[in-house]
C-alpha atoms as a PDB file:
ATOM      1  CA  MET A   1     -13.510   5.366  -5.332  1.00  0.00           C
ATOM      2  CA  HIS A   2     -15.444   6.109  -2.196  1.00  0.00           C
ATOM      3  CA  PHE A   3     -14.569   4.548   1.138  1.00  0.00           C
ATOM      4  CA  SER A   4     -16.233   4.357   4.536  1.00  0.00           C
ATOM      5  CA  SER A   5     -14.770   6.198   7.520  1.00  0.00           C
ATOM      6  CA  ASP A   6     -14.292   2.735   9.065  1.00  0.00           C
ATOM      7  CA  ASP A   7     -12.108   1.579   6.157  1.00  0.00           C
ATOM      8  CA  LEU A   8      -8.346   1.596   6.247  1.00  0.00           C
ATOM      9  CA  VAL A   9      -7.095   2.234   2.725  1.00  0.00           C
ATOM     10  CA  CYS A  10      -3.494   1.188   2.088  1.00  0.00           C
ATOM     11  CA  ARG A  11      -1.165   1.602  -0.848  1.00  0.00           C
ATOM     12  CA  ILE A  12       1.444  -1.144  -0.762  1.00  0.00           C
ATOM     13  CA  ALA A  13       4.548  -0.800  -2.934  1.00  0.00           C
ATOM     14  CA  CYS A  14       6.576  -3.926  -3.646  1.00  0.00           C
ATOM     15  CA  ASN A  15       9.779  -4.531  -5.567  1.00  0.00           C
ATOM     16  CA  LEU A  16      11.164  -7.957  -6.401  1.00  0.00           C
ATOM     17  CA  GLU A  17      14.703  -7.325  -7.597  1.00  0.00           C
ATOM     18  CA  GLN A  18      15.909 -10.917  -7.913  1.00  0.00           C
ATOM     19  CA  VAL A  19      13.286 -12.196 -10.350  1.00  0.00           C
ATOM     20  CA  HIS A  20      14.040 -12.248 -14.067  1.00  0.00           C
ATOM     21  CA  THR A  21      10.613 -12.637 -15.659  1.00  0.00           C
ATOM     22  CA  ALA A  22       7.138 -11.260 -15.148  1.00  0.00           C
ATOM     23  CA  ASP A  23       5.934 -14.826 -14.661  1.00  0.00           C
ATOM     24  CA  GLU A  24       8.295 -15.303 -11.694  1.00  0.00           C
ATOM     25  CA  ALA A  25       7.153 -12.016 -10.158  1.00  0.00           C
ATOM     26  CA  MET A  26       3.468 -12.844 -10.536  1.00  0.00           C
ATOM     27  CA  ARG A  27       3.939 -16.292  -9.006  1.00  0.00           C
ATOM     28  CA  ALA A  28       5.749 -14.719  -6.047  1.00  0.00           C
ATOM     29  CA  TRP A  29       2.999 -12.131  -5.496  1.00  0.00           C
ATOM     30  CA  LEU A  30       0.020 -14.435  -6.097  1.00  0.00           C
ATOM     31  CA  PRO A  31      -0.344 -15.641  -2.456  1.00  0.00           C
ATOM     32  CA  LEU A  32      -0.298 -12.048  -1.197  1.00  0.00           C
ATOM     33  CA  VAL A  33      -2.763 -10.812  -3.815  1.00  0.00           C
ATOM     34  CA  SER A  34      -5.066 -13.770  -3.154  1.00  0.00           C
ATOM     35  CA  GLU A  35      -5.056 -13.102   0.567  1.00  0.00           C
ATOM     36  CA  LEU A  36      -5.330  -9.303   0.563  1.00  0.00           C
ATOM     37  CA  GLN A  37      -7.728  -9.092  -2.408  1.00  0.00           C
ATOM     38  CA  PRO A  38      -6.762  -5.563  -3.478  1.00  0.00           C
ATOM     39  CA  VAL A  39      -9.395  -3.362  -5.120  1.00  0.00           C
ATOM     40  CA  SER A  40      -6.706  -2.244  -7.536  1.00  0.00           C
ATOM     41  CA  ALA A  41      -3.358  -3.690  -8.558  1.00  0.00           C
ATOM     42  CA  ALA A  42      -0.682  -2.602 -11.010  1.00  0.00           C
ATOM     43  CA  PHE A  43       2.360  -4.656 -11.970  1.00  0.00           C
ATOM     44  CA  GLU A  44       5.231  -3.553 -14.172  1.00  0.00           C
ATOM     45  CA  ALA A  45       8.874  -4.079 -14.954  1.00  0.00           C
ATOM     46  CA  ALA A  46      11.142  -1.518 -13.326  1.00  0.00           C
ATOM     47  CA  HIS A  47      12.469   1.069 -15.748  1.00  0.00           C
ATOM     48  CA  PRO A  48      16.070   0.233 -16.729  1.00  0.00           C
ATOM     49  CA  ASP A  49      17.230   3.771 -15.873  1.00  0.00           C
ATOM     50  CA  GLY A  50      15.299   3.930 -12.594  1.00  0.00           C
ATOM     51  CA  LEU A  51      16.321   3.423  -8.997  1.00  0.00           C
ATOM     52  CA  ARG A  52      14.682   0.010  -8.748  1.00  0.00           C
ATOM     53  CA  ARG A  53      15.388  -3.237 -10.567  1.00  0.00           C
ATOM     54  CA  GLY A  54      13.241  -6.269 -11.336  1.00  0.00           C
ATOM     55  CA  TYR A  55       9.453  -5.967 -11.042  1.00  0.00           C
ATOM     56  CA  LEU A  56       7.163  -3.572  -9.191  1.00  0.00           C
ATOM     57  CA  ALA A  57       3.700  -3.949  -7.741  1.00  0.00           C
ATOM     58  CA  ASP A  58       1.308  -1.289  -6.447  1.00  0.00           C
ATOM     59  CA  LEU A  59      -1.634  -2.685  -4.475  1.00  0.00           C
ATOM     60  CA  LEU A  60      -4.624  -0.703  -3.192  1.00  0.00           C
ATOM     61  CA  VAL A  61      -5.996  -2.660  -0.250  1.00  0.00           C
ATOM     62  CA  VAL A  62      -9.107  -1.742   1.727  1.00  0.00           C
ATOM     63  CA  SER A  63      -9.820  -3.398   5.055  1.00  0.00           C
ATOM     64  CA  PRO A  64     -12.050  -2.567   8.008  1.00  0.00           C
ATOM     65  CA  LEU A  65     -10.330  -0.943  10.960  1.00  0.00           C
ATOM     66  CA  GLN A  66      -9.747  -3.563  13.624  1.00  0.00           C
ATOM     67  CA  GLU A  67     -11.148  -3.125  17.079  1.00  0.00           C
ATOM     68  CA  ASP A  68      -8.498  -2.493  19.720  1.00  0.00           C
ATOM     69  CA  GLY A  69      -9.189  -2.390  23.441  1.00  0.00           C
ATOM     70  CA  ALA A  70      -6.601   0.335  24.057  1.00  0.00           C
ATOM     71  CA  ASP A  71      -7.661   3.998  24.224  1.00  0.00           C
ATOM     72  CA  GLY A  72     -11.329   3.071  24.093  1.00  0.00           C
ATOM     73  CA  GLY A  73     -11.096   2.123  20.424  1.00  0.00           C
ATOM     74  CA  SER A  74      -9.909   5.496  19.120  1.00  0.00           C
ATOM     75  CA  THR A  75      -9.260   5.873  15.405  1.00  0.00           C
ATOM     76  CA  ARG A  76      -5.521   5.975  16.105  1.00  0.00           C
ATOM     77  CA  SER A  77      -5.482   2.741  18.132  1.00  0.00           C
ATOM     78  CA  ARG A  78      -7.688   0.986  15.564  1.00  0.00           C
ATOM     79  CA  LEU A  79      -5.379   2.224  12.785  1.00  0.00           C
ATOM     80  CA  LEU A  80      -2.309   0.898  14.578  1.00  0.00           C
ATOM     81  CA  ALA A  81      -3.920  -2.494  15.220  1.00  0.00           C
ATOM     82  CA  THR A  82      -4.894  -2.846  11.560  1.00  0.00           C
ATOM     83  CA  VAL A  83      -1.508  -1.694  10.243  1.00  0.00           C
ATOM     84  CA  GLU A  84       0.289  -4.018  12.656  1.00  0.00           C
ATOM     85  CA  ALA A  85      -1.512  -7.056  11.255  1.00  0.00           C
ATOM     86  CA  LEU A  86      -0.775  -5.956   7.672  1.00  0.00           C
ATOM     87  CA  ALA A  87       2.892  -5.205   8.419  1.00  0.00           C
ATOM     88  CA  VAL A  88       3.416  -8.618   9.996  1.00  0.00           C
ATOM     89  CA  ARG A  89       1.812 -10.254   6.941  1.00  0.00           C
ATOM     90  CA  LEU A  90       4.154  -8.304   4.646  1.00  0.00           C
ATOM     91  CA  GLY A  91       7.221  -9.195   6.707  1.00  0.00           C
ATOM     92  CA  LEU A  92       7.793  -5.607   7.851  1.00  0.00           C
ATOM     93  CA  ASP A  93       8.340  -4.246  11.349  1.00  0.00           C
ATOM     94  CA  PRO A  94       5.106  -2.590  12.578  1.00  0.00           C
ATOM     95  CA  ALA A  95       7.145  -0.468  15.009  1.00  0.00           C
ATOM     96  CA  ASP A  96       8.408   1.499  11.981  1.00  0.00           C
ATOM     97  CA  PHE A  97       4.902   2.804  11.183  1.00  0.00           C
ATOM     98  CA  GLU A  98       4.742   6.574  11.649  1.00  0.00           C
ATOM     99  CA  THR A  99       1.297   8.119  12.063  1.00  0.00           C
ATOM    100  CA  ASP A 100       0.281  11.545  10.889  1.00  0.00           C
ATOM    101  CA  GLU A 101      -0.629  14.348  13.313  1.00  0.00           C
ATOM    102  CA  ASP A 102      -4.295  13.428  13.715  1.00  0.00           C
ATOM    103  CA  GLY A 103      -3.718   9.660  13.883  1.00  0.00           C
ATOM    104  CA  ALA A 104      -5.878   8.904  10.840  1.00  0.00           C
ATOM    105  CA  GLY A 105      -3.065   7.725   8.584  1.00  0.00           C
ATOM    106  CA  GLY A 106       0.647   7.275   8.204  1.00  0.00           C
ATOM    107  CA  ALA A 107       3.484   5.501   6.452  1.00  0.00           C
ATOM    108  CA  LEU A 108       5.606   2.433   6.979  1.00  0.00           C
ATOM    109  CA  LYS A 109       8.907   2.402   5.134  1.00  0.00           C
ATOM    110  CA  ALA A 110      11.285  -0.528   5.105  1.00  0.00           C
ATOM    111  CA  LYS A 111      14.532   0.458   6.805  1.00  0.00           C
ATOM    112  CA  ASP A 112      16.596  -1.108   4.058  1.00  0.00           C
ATOM    113  CA  GLU A 113      16.116  -3.275   1.004  1.00  0.00           C
ATOM    114  CA  GLN A 114      16.882  -6.425   3.005  1.00  0.00           C
ATOM    115  CA  ASP A 115      14.147  -6.061   5.628  1.00  0.00           C
ATOM    116  CA  GLY A 116      13.024  -9.611   5.002  1.00  0.00           C
ATOM    117  CA  SER A 117       9.730  -9.066   3.201  1.00  0.00           C
ATOM    118  CA  PRO A 118       9.197 -12.101   0.960  1.00  0.00           C
ATOM    119  CA  TYR A 119       7.104  -9.894  -1.339  1.00  0.00           C
ATOM    120  CA  GLY A 120       9.612  -7.057  -1.602  1.00  0.00           C
ATOM    121  CA  ALA A 121       7.263  -4.677   0.249  1.00  0.00           C
ATOM    122  CA  TYR A 122       9.102  -1.452   0.926  1.00  0.00           C
ATOM    123  CA  LEU A 123       6.355   1.136   1.478  1.00  0.00           C
ATOM    124  CA  VAL A 124       2.874   1.111   2.992  1.00  0.00           C
ATOM    125  CA  LEU A 125       0.855   4.314   2.928  1.00  0.00           C
ATOM    126  CA  ALA A 126      -2.312   4.195   5.024  1.00  0.00           C
ATOM    127  CA  LEU A 127      -5.246   6.548   5.476  1.00  0.00           C
ATOM    128  CA  THR A 128      -8.571   6.089   7.206  1.00  0.00           C
ATOM    129  CA  GLY A 129     -11.477   6.515   4.808  1.00  0.00           C
ATOM    130  CA  ALA A 130      -9.550   7.655   1.713  1.00  0.00           C
ATOM    131  CA  ASP A 131      -6.849   6.674  -0.758  1.00  0.00           C
ATOM    132  CA  PRO A 132      -3.542   7.969   0.661  1.00  0.00           C
ATOM    133  CA  LEU A 133      -2.453   9.075  -2.823  1.00  0.00           C
ATOM    134  CA  ASN A 134      -5.794  10.740  -3.585  1.00  0.00           C
ATOM    135  CA  PRO A 135      -7.286  11.808  -0.228  1.00  0.00           C
ATOM    136  CA  ASP A 136      -9.846  14.168  -1.770  1.00  0.00           C
ATOM    137  CA  GLY A 137     -11.312  11.343  -3.838  1.00  0.00           C
ATOM    138  CA  GLU A 138     -11.278  13.388  -7.004  1.00  0.00           C
ATOM    139  CA  GLU A 139     -11.298  11.611 -10.329  1.00  0.00           C
ATOM    140  CA  LYS A 140      -8.098  12.064 -12.278  1.00  0.00           C
ATOM    141  CA  ASP A 141      -9.404  13.880 -15.332  1.00  0.00           C
ATOM    142  CA  TYR A 142      -8.440  16.812 -17.452  1.00  0.00           C
ATOM    143  CA  ALA A 143     -10.793  19.667 -18.358  1.00  0.00           C
ATOM    144  CA  ASP A 144      -9.049  20.260 -21.691  1.00  0.00           C
ATOM    145  CA  THR A 145     -10.750  18.852 -24.786  1.00  0.00           C
ATOM    146  CA  GLY A 146      -7.472  17.684 -26.319  1.00  0.00           C
ATOM    147  CA  GLU A 147      -8.132  19.542 -29.589  1.00  0.00           C
ATOM    148  CA  ASP A 148      -4.501  20.650 -29.725  1.00  0.00           C
ATOM    149  CA  LEU A 149      -3.208  17.080 -29.761  1.00  0.00           C
ATOM    150  CA  PRO A 150      -2.056  15.730 -33.142  1.00  0.00           C
END
C-alpha cells in the first residue's frame, strides 16, 4: 500500500483475554473498528501455547496528521497530536508514546495488561507516510517458483 507523507499509519495490537468466543471478541471490537475504519484488519484466537490468551486483533489505521499550533506545525508536533487523540480513544496514556529520532514515528506500549483499554489495546506503532511494519512499502513476495514444494 502507498501512503501520503501527510498520513499517519498506525498498527494497533489488541488482546481481549476475558472473552470466550470469537463472537464476543468481535462484538467488543465492533465500535472501535466502525469508528477507526482500518484499511486492514486481522482477528484470530491466541495460540494456546503463546504468551497471550483470548482473542487478538491487528488493525492498520490510516489518518491524516492533525494540525497542531505548537512548533509551527512540525511533523513531530502533528504526529504527537494525532497519536494523542488515538491513544485517548483506545484508553491508553498518550504520555507513554515514544517517538523515534527524527520524530516521524514511534511506539506506544501499555505499561501493564490492566491499563484500562476497553479494547485490550496494548501496542500502537506509528509512522508518518508508511506502514510501521513495512516502511519500505515492498510487497511481501518470494522470488522462488516453488517447484521444490510437494
